Amino acid sequence: MMRDTNDEPIKNVLKQFMDGYNHKPKVLKAKIVSSWESLMGKTIDSYTKDIQVHNQKMYIYIDSSPLRQELSYAKDKIKKLVNEELGEEYIKQVIIR
Protein backbone atom coordinates (compact mmCIF):
# COMPACT_ATOMS: atom_id res chain seq x y z
CA MET A 1 0.00 0.00 0.00
CA MET A 2 1.40 3.36 -0.99
CA ARG A 3 1.02 6.38 1.25
CA ASP A 4 0.52 9.87 -0.04
CA THR A 5 3.43 11.87 1.16
CA ASN A 6 3.05 15.42 2.21
CA ASP A 7 6.70 16.07 2.89
CA GLU A 8 7.35 19.64 3.82
CA PRO A 9 10.00 20.92 6.21
CA ILE A 10 8.64 21.74 9.66
CA LYS A 11 10.13 25.23 9.35
CA ASN A 12 7.81 25.94 6.39
CA VAL A 13 4.79 24.50 8.16
CA LEU A 14 5.44 26.62 11.26
CA LYS A 15 5.94 29.75 9.14
CA GLN A 16 2.61 29.14 7.38
CA PHE A 17 0.92 28.60 10.74
CA MET A 18 2.36 31.80 12.23
CA ASP A 19 1.58 33.89 9.16
CA GLY A 20 -1.91 32.47 8.72
CA TYR A 21 -3.09 33.00 12.27
CA ASN A 22 -1.11 36.16 13.09
CA HIS A 23 0.92 34.41 15.80
CA LYS A 24 4.17 35.86 14.52
CA PRO A 25 4.20 39.03 16.69
CA LYS A 26 3.59 36.98 19.85
CA VAL A 27 6.28 34.45 19.01
CA LEU A 28 8.79 37.15 18.09
CA LYS A 29 7.99 39.13 21.25
CA ALA A 30 8.64 36.02 23.33
CA LYS A 31 11.95 35.51 21.55
CA ILE A 32 12.96 39.16 22.10
CA VAL A 33 12.02 39.09 25.79
CA SER A 34 13.84 35.80 26.42
CA SER A 35 17.03 37.08 24.78
CA TRP A 36 16.84 40.70 26.04
CA GLU A 37 19.31 40.24 28.92
CA SER A 38 21.91 38.53 26.74
CA LEU A 39 21.51 41.20 24.04
CA MET A 40 21.55 44.27 26.28
CA GLY A 41 23.17 43.16 29.56
CA LYS A 42 21.96 42.75 33.14
CA THR A 43 21.86 46.48 33.96
CA ILE A 44 19.60 47.48 31.08
CA ASP A 45 17.49 44.35 31.65
CA SER A 46 16.99 45.30 35.30
CA TYR A 47 15.61 48.74 34.29
CA THR A 48 13.37 47.34 31.55
CA LYS A 49 9.74 47.29 32.74
CA ASP A 50 8.16 45.90 29.59
CA ILE A 51 8.69 45.19 25.90
CA GLN A 52 5.82 45.27 23.43
CA VAL A 53 5.77 44.52 19.69
CA HIS A 54 3.00 45.97 17.49
CA ASN A 55 2.99 46.50 13.72
CA GLN A 56 6.73 45.79 13.46
CA LYS A 57 7.45 48.46 16.08
CA MET A 58 9.21 47.54 19.32
CA TYR A 59 8.23 49.54 22.40
CA ILE A 60 10.72 49.38 25.27
CA TYR A 61 9.57 50.70 28.65
CA ILE A 62 12.49 51.81 30.85
CA ASP A 63 12.31 52.81 34.55
CA SER A 64 15.33 55.15 34.52
CA SER A 65 15.14 58.55 32.81
CA PRO A 66 18.92 58.81 32.19
CA LEU A 67 19.00 55.29 30.74
CA ARG A 68 15.92 56.03 28.64
CA GLN A 69 17.74 59.08 27.22
CA GLU A 70 20.92 57.07 26.57
CA LEU A 71 19.03 54.27 24.83
CA SER A 72 17.16 56.75 22.64
CA TYR A 73 20.51 57.44 20.94
CA ALA A 74 21.04 53.72 20.34
CA LYS A 75 17.71 52.84 18.68
CA ASP A 76 19.30 51.77 15.39
CA LYS A 77 21.82 49.57 17.18
CA ILE A 78 19.04 47.97 19.27
CA LYS A 79 16.97 47.37 16.12
CA LYS A 80 19.97 45.75 14.40
CA LEU A 81 20.76 43.50 17.41
CA VAL A 82 17.15 42.39 17.79
CA ASN A 83 16.68 41.69 14.08
CA GLU A 84 19.91 39.67 14.03
CA GLU A 85 18.59 37.65 16.98
CA LEU A 86 15.28 37.09 15.17
CA GLY A 87 17.05 36.10 11.98
CA GLU A 88 15.04 38.53 9.87
CA GLU A 89 14.42 42.24 9.40
CA TYR A 90 11.13 42.23 11.33
CA ILE A 91 11.48 45.24 13.65
CA LYS A 92 11.27 48.46 11.62
CA GLN A 93 11.24 50.97 14.50
CA VAL A 94 12.33 51.06 18.14
CA ILE A 95 10.47 53.37 20.52
CA ILE A 96 11.85 54.02 24.02
CA ARG A 97 9.35 55.07 26.69
C-alpha atoms as a PDB file:
ATOM      1  CA  MET A   1       0.000   0.000   0.000  1.00  0.00           C
ATOM      2  CA  MET A   2       1.395   3.356  -0.986  1.00  0.00           C
ATOM      3  CA  ARG A   3       1.017   6.376   1.246  1.00  0.00           C
ATOM      4  CA  ASP A   4       0.517   9.873  -0.043  1.00  0.00           C
ATOM      5  CA  THR A   5       3.431  11.874   1.162  1.00  0.00           C
ATOM      6  CA  ASN A   6       3.048  15.425   2.206  1.00  0.00           C
ATOM      7  CA  ASP A   7       6.699  16.065   2.885  1.00  0.00           C
ATOM      8  CA  GLU A   8       7.346  19.643   3.822  1.00  0.00           C
ATOM      9  CA  PRO A   9      10.003  20.923   6.213  1.00  0.00           C
ATOM     10  CA  ILE A  10       8.640  21.735   9.659  1.00  0.00           C
ATOM     11  CA  LYS A  11      10.129  25.232   9.348  1.00  0.00           C
ATOM     12  CA  ASN A  12       7.810  25.940   6.388  1.00  0.00           C
ATOM     13  CA  VAL A  13       4.786  24.505   8.156  1.00  0.00           C
ATOM     14  CA  LEU A  14       5.439  26.624  11.258  1.00  0.00           C
ATOM     15  CA  LYS A  15       5.941  29.749   9.142  1.00  0.00           C
ATOM     16  CA  GLN A  16       2.608  29.143   7.379  1.00  0.00           C
ATOM     17  CA  PHE A  17       0.924  28.601  10.737  1.00  0.00           C
ATOM     18  CA  MET A  18       2.359  31.795  12.234  1.00  0.00           C
ATOM     19  CA  ASP A  19       1.584  33.893   9.163  1.00  0.00           C
ATOM     20  CA  GLY A  20      -1.906  32.466   8.721  1.00  0.00           C
ATOM     21  CA  TYR A  21      -3.085  33.000  12.273  1.00  0.00           C
ATOM     22  CA  ASN A  22      -1.111  36.155  13.086  1.00  0.00           C
ATOM     23  CA  HIS A  23       0.917  34.410  15.801  1.00  0.00           C
ATOM     24  CA  LYS A  24       4.168  35.860  14.524  1.00  0.00           C
ATOM     25  CA  PRO A  25       4.200  39.030  16.695  1.00  0.00           C
ATOM     26  CA  LYS A  26       3.588  36.977  19.854  1.00  0.00           C
ATOM     27  CA  VAL A  27       6.279  34.445  19.011  1.00  0.00           C
ATOM     28  CA  LEU A  28       8.790  37.151  18.094  1.00  0.00           C
ATOM     29  CA  LYS A  29       7.994  39.133  21.253  1.00  0.00           C
ATOM     30  CA  ALA A  30       8.641  36.020  23.334  1.00  0.00           C
ATOM     31  CA  LYS A  31      11.955  35.510  21.551  1.00  0.00           C
ATOM     32  CA  ILE A  32      12.956  39.161  22.096  1.00  0.00           C
ATOM     33  CA  VAL A  33      12.025  39.088  25.795  1.00  0.00           C
ATOM     34  CA  SER A  34      13.837  35.805  26.416  1.00  0.00           C
ATOM     35  CA  SER A  35      17.030  37.076  24.784  1.00  0.00           C
ATOM     36  CA  TRP A  36      16.841  40.697  26.039  1.00  0.00           C
ATOM     37  CA  GLU A  37      19.315  40.242  28.924  1.00  0.00           C
ATOM     38  CA  SER A  38      21.909  38.529  26.739  1.00  0.00           C
ATOM     39  CA  LEU A  39      21.506  41.200  24.042  1.00  0.00           C
ATOM     40  CA  MET A  40      21.550  44.268  26.285  1.00  0.00           C
ATOM     41  CA  GLY A  41      23.166  43.159  29.560  1.00  0.00           C
ATOM     42  CA  LYS A  42      21.955  42.753  33.138  1.00  0.00           C
ATOM     43  CA  THR A  43      21.860  46.480  33.956  1.00  0.00           C
ATOM     44  CA  ILE A  44      19.599  47.476  31.076  1.00  0.00           C
ATOM     45  CA  ASP A  45      17.491  44.353  31.645  1.00  0.00           C
ATOM     46  CA  SER A  46      16.994  45.298  35.298  1.00  0.00           C
ATOM     47  CA  TYR A  47      15.606  48.737  34.294  1.00  0.00           C
ATOM     48  CA  THR A  48      13.367  47.344  31.551  1.00  0.00           C
ATOM     49  CA  LYS A  49       9.742  47.285  32.738  1.00  0.00           C
ATOM     50  CA  ASP A  50       8.163  45.897  29.589  1.00  0.00           C
ATOM     51  CA  ILE A  51       8.691  45.189  25.900  1.00  0.00           C
ATOM     52  CA  GLN A  52       5.823  45.272  23.426  1.00  0.00           C
ATOM     53  CA  VAL A  53       5.765  44.521  19.690  1.00  0.00           C
ATOM     54  CA  HIS A  54       2.997  45.968  17.493  1.00  0.00           C
ATOM     55  CA  ASN A  55       2.992  46.498  13.722  1.00  0.00           C
ATOM     56  CA  GLN A  56       6.729  45.788  13.457  1.00  0.00           C
ATOM     57  CA  LYS A  57       7.447  48.459  16.079  1.00  0.00           C
ATOM     58  CA  MET A  58       9.211  47.542  19.315  1.00  0.00           C
ATOM     59  CA  TYR A  59       8.234  49.543  22.400  1.00  0.00           C
ATOM     60  CA  ILE A  60      10.721  49.383  25.267  1.00  0.00           C
ATOM     61  CA  TYR A  61       9.568  50.704  28.648  1.00  0.00           C
ATOM     62  CA  ILE A  62      12.489  51.811  30.851  1.00  0.00           C
ATOM     63  CA  ASP A  63      12.307  52.812  34.552  1.00  0.00           C
ATOM     64  CA  SER A  64      15.331  55.145  34.520  1.00  0.00           C
ATOM     65  CA  SER A  65      15.139  58.551  32.808  1.00  0.00           C
ATOM     66  CA  PRO A  66      18.925  58.806  32.195  1.00  0.00           C
ATOM     67  CA  LEU A  67      19.000  55.286  30.736  1.00  0.00           C
ATOM     68  CA  ARG A  68      15.920  56.027  28.641  1.00  0.00           C
ATOM     69  CA  GLN A  69      17.741  59.075  27.224  1.00  0.00           C
ATOM     70  CA  GLU A  70      20.919  57.074  26.569  1.00  0.00           C
ATOM     71  CA  LEU A  71      19.027  54.266  24.831  1.00  0.00           C
ATOM     72  CA  SER A  72      17.164  56.749  22.639  1.00  0.00           C
ATOM     73  CA  TYR A  73      20.512  57.442  20.941  1.00  0.00           C
ATOM     74  CA  ALA A  74      21.043  53.718  20.335  1.00  0.00           C
ATOM     75  CA  LYS A  75      17.714  52.842  18.681  1.00  0.00           C
ATOM     76  CA  ASP A  76      19.298  51.771  15.388  1.00  0.00           C
ATOM     77  CA  LYS A  77      21.818  49.570  17.182  1.00  0.00           C
ATOM     78  CA  ILE A  78      19.045  47.972  19.268  1.00  0.00           C
ATOM     79  CA  LYS A  79      16.972  47.369  16.121  1.00  0.00           C
ATOM     80  CA  LYS A  80      19.967  45.748  14.405  1.00  0.00           C
ATOM     81  CA  LEU A  81      20.757  43.502  17.405  1.00  0.00           C
ATOM     82  CA  VAL A  82      17.148  42.391  17.788  1.00  0.00           C
ATOM     83  CA  ASN A  83      16.680  41.693  14.075  1.00  0.00           C
ATOM     84  CA  GLU A  84      19.910  39.673  14.031  1.00  0.00           C
ATOM     85  CA  GLU A  85      18.595  37.655  16.979  1.00  0.00           C
ATOM     86  CA  LEU A  86      15.283  37.094  15.174  1.00  0.00           C
ATOM     87  CA  GLY A  87      17.053  36.100  11.977  1.00  0.00           C
ATOM     88  CA  GLU A  88      15.037  38.526   9.871  1.00  0.00           C
ATOM     89  CA  GLU A  89      14.416  42.241   9.403  1.00  0.00           C
ATOM     90  CA  TYR A  90      11.133  42.228  11.334  1.00  0.00           C
ATOM     91  CA  ILE A  91      11.484  45.236  13.650  1.00  0.00           C
ATOM     92  CA  LYS A  92      11.272  48.463  11.625  1.00  0.00           C
ATOM     93  CA  GLN A  93      11.240  50.965  14.496  1.00  0.00           C
ATOM     94  CA  VAL A  94      12.334  51.056  18.141  1.00  0.00           C
ATOM     95  CA  ILE A  95      10.472  53.365  20.523  1.00  0.00           C
ATOM     96  CA  ILE A  96      11.850  54.022  24.021  1.00  0.00           C
ATOM     97  CA  ARG A  97       9.351  55.068  26.689  1.00  0.00           C
END
